[in-house]
């Protein structure tokens, strides 16, 4: 997960450098860009402190949203501001699609349609990243591809392929050695999925 954090921090640095293409890529210029944008949100610290994949995904969306919100209040015509936000959201969209494809997930037709081209009006919103992360979580959940790794504090060993649902009710409610129950873990995973 540390590699993912580092890569995404570098990705966000690149997003900011792309806003000022005439700047040389060095830490002092990055700090100037952040100051020019009045970007008070410290995405580096936020991402580094993420303890679970769930937190990391949420903080990735929060970081993109913070940058889009600041860009939408900078100088320029309304059309230019919307185009800048769309460009950032489109790049993030492409990154998420690549991550889903890299995981080798078979997508349903509706998911393919949405992941081929999201609605243009959605790309203009600063909150698009949050919706995109929710969509990714849904896809991972449906395909059972890594979604259970979102919270490592829960004992999922009794949940292998959700076969525990076929267990009698009294077995589903029995406590494990760590005090958790498979049913509680399942409900928590549904909660994580629906965030």
C-alpha atoms as a PDB file:
ATOM      1  CA  UNK A   1       0.000   0.000   0.000  1.00  0.00           C
ATOM      2  CA  UNK A   2       2.968   2.322   0.580  1.00  0.00           C
ATOM      3  CA  UNK A   3       3.829   2.122  -3.119  1.00  0.00           C
ATOM      4  CA  UNK A   4       0.261   3.095  -4.040  1.00  0.00           C
ATOM      5  CA  UNK A   5       0.449   6.091  -1.706  1.00  0.00           C
ATOM      6  CA  UNK A   6       3.739   7.266  -3.170  1.00  0.00           C
ATOM      7  CA  UNK A   7       2.542   6.830  -6.744  1.00  0.00           C
ATOM      8  CA  UNK A   8      -0.635   8.793  -6.095  1.00  0.00           C
ATOM      9  CA  UNK A   9       1.252  11.610  -4.368  1.00  0.00           C
ATOM     10  CA  UNK A  10       3.473  11.829  -7.454  1.00  0.00           C
ATOM     11  CA  UNK A  11       0.342  11.753  -9.623  1.00  0.00           C
ATOM     12  CA  UNK A  12      -1.173  14.701  -7.705  1.00  0.00           C
ATOM     13  CA  UNK A  13       2.106  16.607  -7.883  1.00  0.00           C
ATOM     14  CA  UNK A  14       1.957  16.090 -11.646  1.00  0.00           C
ATOM     15  CA  UNK A  15      -1.613  17.394 -11.743  1.00  0.00           C
ATOM     16  CA  UNK A  16      -0.473  20.591 -10.050  1.00  0.00           C
ATOM     17  CA  UNK A  17       2.583  20.969 -12.292  1.00  0.00           C
ATOM     18  CA  UNK A  18       0.307  20.598 -15.327  1.00  0.00           C
ATOM     19  CA  UNK A  19      -1.578  23.676 -14.147  1.00  0.00           C
ATOM     20  CA  UNK A  20       1.634  25.671 -14.522  1.00  0.00           C
ATOM     21  CA  UNK A  21       3.461  23.988 -17.425  1.00  0.00           C
ATOM     22  CA  UNK A  22       6.144  26.697 -17.542  1.00  0.00           C
ATOM     23  CA  UNK A  23       7.343  25.774 -14.021  1.00  0.00           C
ATOM     24  CA  UNK A  24      10.298  23.426 -13.606  1.00  0.00           C
ATOM     25  CA  UNK A  25       9.401  20.360 -11.541  1.00  0.00           C
ATOM     26  CA  UNK A  26      11.053  21.022  -8.195  1.00  0.00           C
ATOM     27  CA  UNK A  27       9.739  21.194  -4.610  1.00  0.00           C
ATOM     28  CA  UNK A  28       9.941  24.980  -4.318  1.00  0.00           C
ATOM     29  CA  UNK A  29       7.842  25.422  -7.462  1.00  0.00           C
ATOM     30  CA  UNK A  30       5.322  22.863  -6.215  1.00  0.00           C
ATOM     31  CA  UNK A  31       5.007  24.845  -2.976  1.00  0.00           C
ATOM     32  CA  UNK A  32       4.484  28.040  -5.023  1.00  0.00           C
ATOM     33  CA  UNK A  33       1.747  26.414  -7.090  1.00  0.00           C
ATOM     34  CA  UNK A  34      -0.009  25.261  -3.905  1.00  0.00           C
ATOM     35  CA  UNK A  35       0.313  28.769  -2.451  1.00  0.00           C
ATOM     36  CA  UNK A  36      -1.018  30.373  -5.655  1.00  0.00           C
ATOM     37  CA  UNK A  37      -4.036  28.059  -5.508  1.00  0.00           C
ATOM     38  CA  UNK A  38      -4.453  28.617  -1.745  1.00  0.00           C
ATOM     39  CA  UNK A  39      -4.434  24.831  -1.474  1.00  0.00           C
ATOM     40  CA  UNK A  40      -4.497  24.335   2.274  1.00  0.00           C
ATOM     41  CA  UNK A  41      -5.378  20.656   2.004  1.00  0.00           C
ATOM     42  CA  UNK A  42      -2.158  18.694   2.572  1.00  0.00           C
ATOM     43  CA  UNK A  43      -2.775  15.666   0.389  1.00  0.00           C
ATOM     44  CA  UNK A  44       0.699  14.256   1.041  1.00  0.00           C
ATOM     45  CA  UNK A  45       0.100  13.935   4.778  1.00  0.00           C
ATOM     46  CA  UNK A  46      -3.478  12.740   4.272  1.00  0.00           C
ATOM     47  CA  UNK A  47      -2.431   9.974   1.900  1.00  0.00           C
ATOM     48  CA  UNK A  48       0.589   8.910   3.938  1.00  0.00           C
ATOM     49  CA  UNK A  49      -1.589   8.551   7.049  1.00  0.00           C
ATOM     50  CA  UNK A  50      -4.173   6.309   5.372  1.00  0.00           C
ATOM     51  CA  UNK A  51      -4.197   3.043   7.294  1.00  0.00           C
ATOM     52  CA  UNK A  52      -6.467   0.960   5.069  1.00  0.00           C
ATOM     53  CA  UNK A  53      -7.270   0.722   1.380  1.00  0.00           C
ATOM     54  CA  UNK A  54     -10.700   2.181   2.176  1.00  0.00           C
ATOM     55  CA  UNK A  55      -9.108   5.251   3.737  1.00  0.00           C
ATOM     56  CA  UNK A  56      -6.660   5.549   0.870  1.00  0.00           C
ATOM     57  CA  UNK A  57      -9.442   5.460  -1.743  1.00  0.00           C
ATOM     58  CA  UNK A  58     -11.469   8.037   0.180  1.00  0.00           C
ATOM     59  CA  UNK A  59      -8.456  10.312   0.593  1.00  0.00           C
ATOM     60  CA  UNK A  60      -7.589  10.017  -3.075  1.00  0.00           C
ATOM     61  CA  UNK A  61     -11.077  11.272  -3.959  1.00  0.00           C
ATOM     62  CA  UNK A  62     -10.865  13.987  -1.312  1.00  0.00           C
ATOM     63  CA  UNK A  63      -7.521  15.168  -2.727  1.00  0.00           C
ATOM     64  CA  UNK A  64      -8.827  15.429  -6.293  1.00  0.00           C
ATOM     65  CA  UNK A  65     -11.943  17.210  -5.045  1.00  0.00           C
ATOM     66  CA  UNK A  66      -9.869  19.736  -3.055  1.00  0.00           C
ATOM     67  CA  UNK A  67      -7.741  20.541  -6.090  1.00  0.00           C
ATOM     68  CA  UNK A  68     -10.801  20.875  -8.361  1.00  0.00           C
ATOM     69  CA  UNK A  69     -12.528  23.162  -5.876  1.00  0.00           C
ATOM     70  CA  UNK A  70      -9.494  25.434  -5.675  1.00  0.00           C
ATOM     71  CA  UNK A  71      -9.101  25.500  -9.439  1.00  0.00           C
ATOM     72  CA  UNK A  72     -12.739  26.501  -9.861  1.00  0.00           C
ATOM     73  CA  UNK A  73     -12.101  29.634  -7.783  1.00  0.00           C
ATOM     74  CA  UNK A  74      -8.943  30.781  -9.582  1.00  0.00           C
ATOM     75  CA  UNK A  75      -8.882  33.453 -12.250  1.00  0.00           C
ATOM     76  CA  UNK A  76     -10.185  32.890 -15.738  1.00  0.00           C
ATOM     77  CA  UNK A  77     -13.442  32.648 -17.593  1.00  0.00           C
ATOM     78  CA  UNK A  78     -16.106  30.220 -16.452  1.00  0.00           C
ATOM     79  CA  UNK A  79     -15.457  28.106 -19.534  1.00  0.00           C
ATOM     80  CA  UNK A  80     -11.717  27.890 -18.742  1.00  0.00           C
ATOM     81  CA  UNK A  81     -12.380  26.947 -15.121  1.00  0.00           C
ATOM     82  CA  UNK A  82     -14.811  24.200 -16.129  1.00  0.00           C
ATOM     83  CA  UNK A  83     -12.336  22.890 -18.713  1.00  0.00           C
ATOM     84  CA  UNK A  84      -9.560  22.703 -16.099  1.00  0.00           C
ATOM     85  CA  UNK A  85     -11.804  20.744 -13.742  1.00  0.00           C
ATOM     86  CA  UNK A  86     -12.893  18.437 -16.571  1.00  0.00           C
ATOM     87  CA  UNK A  87      -9.277  17.800 -17.530  1.00  0.00           C
ATOM     88  CA  UNK A  88      -8.323  16.795 -13.968  1.00  0.00           C
ATOM     89  CA  UNK A  89     -11.418  14.618 -13.556  1.00  0.00           C
ATOM     90  CA  UNK A  90     -10.855  13.000 -16.968  1.00  0.00           C
ATOM     91  CA  UNK A  91      -7.261  12.134 -16.045  1.00  0.00           C
ATOM     92  CA  UNK A  92      -8.378  10.683 -12.707  1.00  0.00           C
ATOM     93  CA  UNK A  93     -11.132   8.785 -14.491  1.00  0.00           C
ATOM     94  CA  UNK A  94      -8.583   7.252 -16.869  1.00  0.00           C
ATOM     95  CA  UNK A  95      -6.371   6.299 -13.917  1.00  0.00           C
ATOM     96  CA  UNK A  96      -9.261   4.507 -12.164  1.00  0.00           C
ATOM     97  CA  UNK A  97     -10.224   2.675 -15.379  1.00  0.00           C
ATOM     98  CA  UNK A  98      -6.614   1.500 -15.750  1.00  0.00           C
ATOM     99  CA  UNK A  99      -6.624   0.237 -12.147  1.00  0.00           C
ATOM    100  CA  UNK A 100      -9.849  -1.700 -12.761  1.00  0.00           C
ATOM    101  CA  UNK A 101      -8.510  -3.165 -16.002  1.00  0.00           C
ATOM    102  CA  UNK A 102      -5.212  -4.057 -14.308  1.00  0.00           C
ATOM    103  CA  UNK A 103      -7.183  -6.028 -11.705  1.00  0.00           C
ATOM    104  CA  UNK A 104      -8.562  -8.134 -14.585  1.00  0.00           C
ATOM    105  CA  UNK A 105     -12.209  -7.486 -13.794  1.00  0.00           C
ATOM    106  CA  UNK A 106     -14.942  -8.493 -16.229  1.00  0.00           C
ATOM    107  CA  UNK A 107     -17.346  -5.604 -16.458  1.00  0.00           C
ATOM    108  CA  UNK A 108     -21.087  -5.717 -17.058  1.00  0.00           C
ATOM    109  CA  UNK A 109     -22.485  -3.817 -20.030  1.00  0.00           C
ATOM    110  CA  UNK A 110     -23.723  -0.884 -17.931  1.00  0.00           C
ATOM    111  CA  UNK A 111     -20.365  -0.614 -16.198  1.00  0.00           C
ATOM    112  CA  UNK A 112     -18.533  -0.779 -19.547  1.00  0.00           C
ATOM    113  CA  UNK A 113     -20.713   1.998 -20.921  1.00  0.00           C
ATOM    114  CA  UNK A 114     -20.103   4.209 -17.905  1.00  0.00           C
ATOM    115  CA  UNK A 115     -16.378   3.454 -17.803  1.00  0.00           C
ATOM    116  CA  UNK A 116     -16.015   4.109 -21.509  1.00  0.00           C
ATOM    117  CA  UNK A 117     -17.418   7.600 -21.238  1.00  0.00           C
ATOM    118  CA  UNK A 118     -18.953   9.110 -18.116  1.00  0.00           C
ATOM    119  CA  UNK A 119     -21.626  11.792 -18.524  1.00  0.00           C
ATOM    120  CA  UNK A 120     -20.004  15.070 -19.585  1.00  0.00           C
ATOM    121  CA  UNK A 121     -21.920  16.985 -16.914  1.00  0.00           C
ATOM    122  CA  UNK A 122     -20.389  14.762 -14.223  1.00  0.00           C
ATOM    123  CA  UNK A 123     -16.835  15.552 -15.317  1.00  0.00           C
ATOM    124  CA  UNK A 124     -17.484  19.237 -14.654  1.00  0.00           C
ATOM    125  CA  UNK A 125     -18.203  18.670 -10.962  1.00  0.00           C
ATOM    126  CA  UNK A 126     -15.569  18.883  -8.240  1.00  0.00           C
ATOM    127  CA  UNK A 127     -17.326  15.947  -6.532  1.00  0.00           C
ATOM    128  CA  UNK A 128     -16.855  13.644  -9.534  1.00  0.00           C
ATOM    129  CA  UNK A 129     -13.855  11.916  -7.934  1.00  0.00           C
ATOM    130  CA  UNK A 130     -15.996  10.807  -4.996  1.00  0.00           C
ATOM    131  CA  UNK A 131     -18.599   9.281  -7.320  1.00  0.00           C
ATOM    132  CA  UNK A 132     -15.863   7.606  -9.330  1.00  0.00           C
ATOM    133  CA  UNK A 133     -14.350   6.006  -6.221  1.00  0.00           C
ATOM    134  CA  UNK A 134     -17.820   4.773  -5.205  1.00  0.00           C
ATOM    135  CA  UNK A 135     -18.218   3.242  -8.665  1.00  0.00           C
ATOM    136  CA  UNK A 136     -14.828   1.533  -8.342  1.00  0.00           C
ATOM    137  CA  UNK A 137     -15.798   0.111  -4.927  1.00  0.00           C
ATOM    138  CA  UNK A 138     -19.055  -1.223  -6.393  1.00  0.00           C
ATOM    139  CA  UNK A 139     -17.234  -2.894  -9.268  1.00  0.00           C
ATOM    140  CA  UNK A 140     -14.663  -4.435  -6.925  1.00  0.00           C
ATOM    141  CA  UNK A 141     -17.427  -5.612  -4.620  1.00  0.00           C
ATOM    142  CA  UNK A 142     -19.394  -7.271  -7.411  1.00  0.00           C
ATOM    143  CA  UNK A 143     -16.299  -8.985  -8.721  1.00  0.00           C
ATOM    144  CA  UNK A 144     -14.905  -9.819  -5.272  1.00  0.00           C
ATOM    145  CA  UNK A 145     -11.528  -8.563  -6.438  1.00  0.00           C
ATOM    146  CA  UNK A 146      -9.729  -7.026  -3.518  1.00  0.00           C
ATOM    147  CA  UNK A 147     -12.742  -5.291  -2.012  1.00  0.00           C
ATOM    148  CA  UNK A 148     -12.368  -7.234   1.210  1.00  0.00           C
ATOM    149  CA  UNK A 149      -8.955  -5.690   1.693  1.00  0.00           C
ATOM    150  CA  UNK A 150     -10.490  -2.276   2.324  1.00  0.00           C
ATOM    151  CA  UNK A 151     -10.493  -2.793   6.080  1.00  0.00           C
ATOM    152  CA  UNK A 152      -7.797  -5.015   7.493  1.00  0.00           C
ATOM    153  CA  UNK A 153      -9.113  -4.714  11.054  1.00  0.00           C
ATOM    154  CA  UNK A 154     -11.864  -7.260  10.415  1.00  0.00           C
ATOM    155  CA  UNK A 155     -11.342 -11.007  10.470  1.00  0.00           C
ATOM    156  CA  UNK A 156     -12.662 -12.200   7.112  1.00  0.00           C
ATOM    157  CA  UNK A 157     -11.266 -15.719   7.372  1.00  0.00           C
ATOM    158  CA  UNK A 158     -14.733 -17.126   8.031  1.00  0.00           C
ATOM    159  CA  UNK A 159     -16.133 -15.298   5.012  1.00  0.00           C
ATOM    160  CA  UNK A 160     -14.316 -17.150   2.219  1.00  0.00           C
ATOM    161  CA  UNK A 161     -16.450 -16.580  -0.859  1.00  0.00           C
ATOM    162  CA  UNK A 162     -19.388 -15.686   1.408  1.00  0.00           C
ATOM    163  CA  UNK A 163     -20.066 -19.379   2.024  1.00  0.00           C
ATOM    164  CA  UNK A 164     -20.769 -18.551   5.647  1.00  0.00           C
ATOM    165  CA  UNK A 165     -24.222 -17.298   4.585  1.00  0.00           C
ATOM    166  CA  UNK A 166     -25.194 -20.920   4.016  1.00  0.00           C
ATOM    167  CA  UNK A 167     -24.332 -21.718   7.626  1.00  0.00           C
ATOM    168  CA  UNK A 168     -27.154 -22.065  10.143  1.00  0.00           C
ATOM    169  CA  UNK A 169     -28.012 -18.825  11.944  1.00  0.00           C
ATOM    170  CA  UNK A 170     -26.484 -19.935  15.254  1.00  0.00           C
ATOM    171  CA  UNK A 171     -23.134 -20.578  13.561  1.00  0.00           C
ATOM    172  CA  UNK A 172     -23.229 -17.222  11.784  1.00  0.00           C
ATOM    173  CA  UNK A 173     -23.694 -15.502  15.119  1.00  0.00           C
ATOM    174  CA  UNK A 174     -21.014 -17.442  17.023  1.00  0.00           C
ATOM    175  CA  UNK A 175     -18.038 -15.384  18.080  1.00  0.00           C
ATOM    176  CA  UNK A 176     -14.569 -16.100  16.771  1.00  0.00           C
ATOM    177  CA  UNK A 177     -11.389 -16.068  18.812  1.00  0.00           C
ATOM    178  CA  UNK A 178     -10.992 -12.327  18.303  1.00  0.00           C
ATOM    179  CA  UNK A 179     -14.542 -11.491  19.441  1.00  0.00           C
ATOM    180  CA  UNK A 180     -15.906 -10.717  15.959  1.00  0.00           C
ATOM    181  CA  UNK A 181     -18.720 -12.587  14.284  1.00  0.00           C
ATOM    182  CA  UNK A 182     -18.907 -13.449  10.595  1.00  0.00           C
ATOM    183  CA  UNK A 183     -22.267 -11.693  10.386  1.00  0.00           C
ATOM    184  CA  UNK A 184     -20.878  -8.495  11.908  1.00  0.00           C
ATOM    185  CA  UNK A 185     -17.973  -8.636   9.486  1.00  0.00           C
ATOM    186  CA  UNK A 186     -20.418  -9.087   6.604  1.00  0.00           C
ATOM    187  CA  UNK A 187     -22.561  -6.130   7.666  1.00  0.00           C
ATOM    188  CA  UNK A 188     -19.437  -4.034   8.102  1.00  0.00           C
ATOM    189  CA  UNK A 189     -18.259  -4.960   4.600  1.00  0.00           C
ATOM    190  CA  UNK A 190     -21.656  -3.879   3.243  1.00  0.00           C
ATOM    191  CA  UNK A 191     -21.261  -0.585   5.092  1.00  0.00           C
ATOM    192  CA  UNK A 192     -17.763  -0.144   3.654  1.00  0.00           C
ATOM    193  CA  UNK A 193     -19.134  -0.953   0.211  1.00  0.00           C
ATOM    194  CA  UNK A 194     -21.922   1.638   0.483  1.00  0.00           C
ATOM    195  CA  UNK A 195     -19.757   4.568   1.600  1.00  0.00           C
END
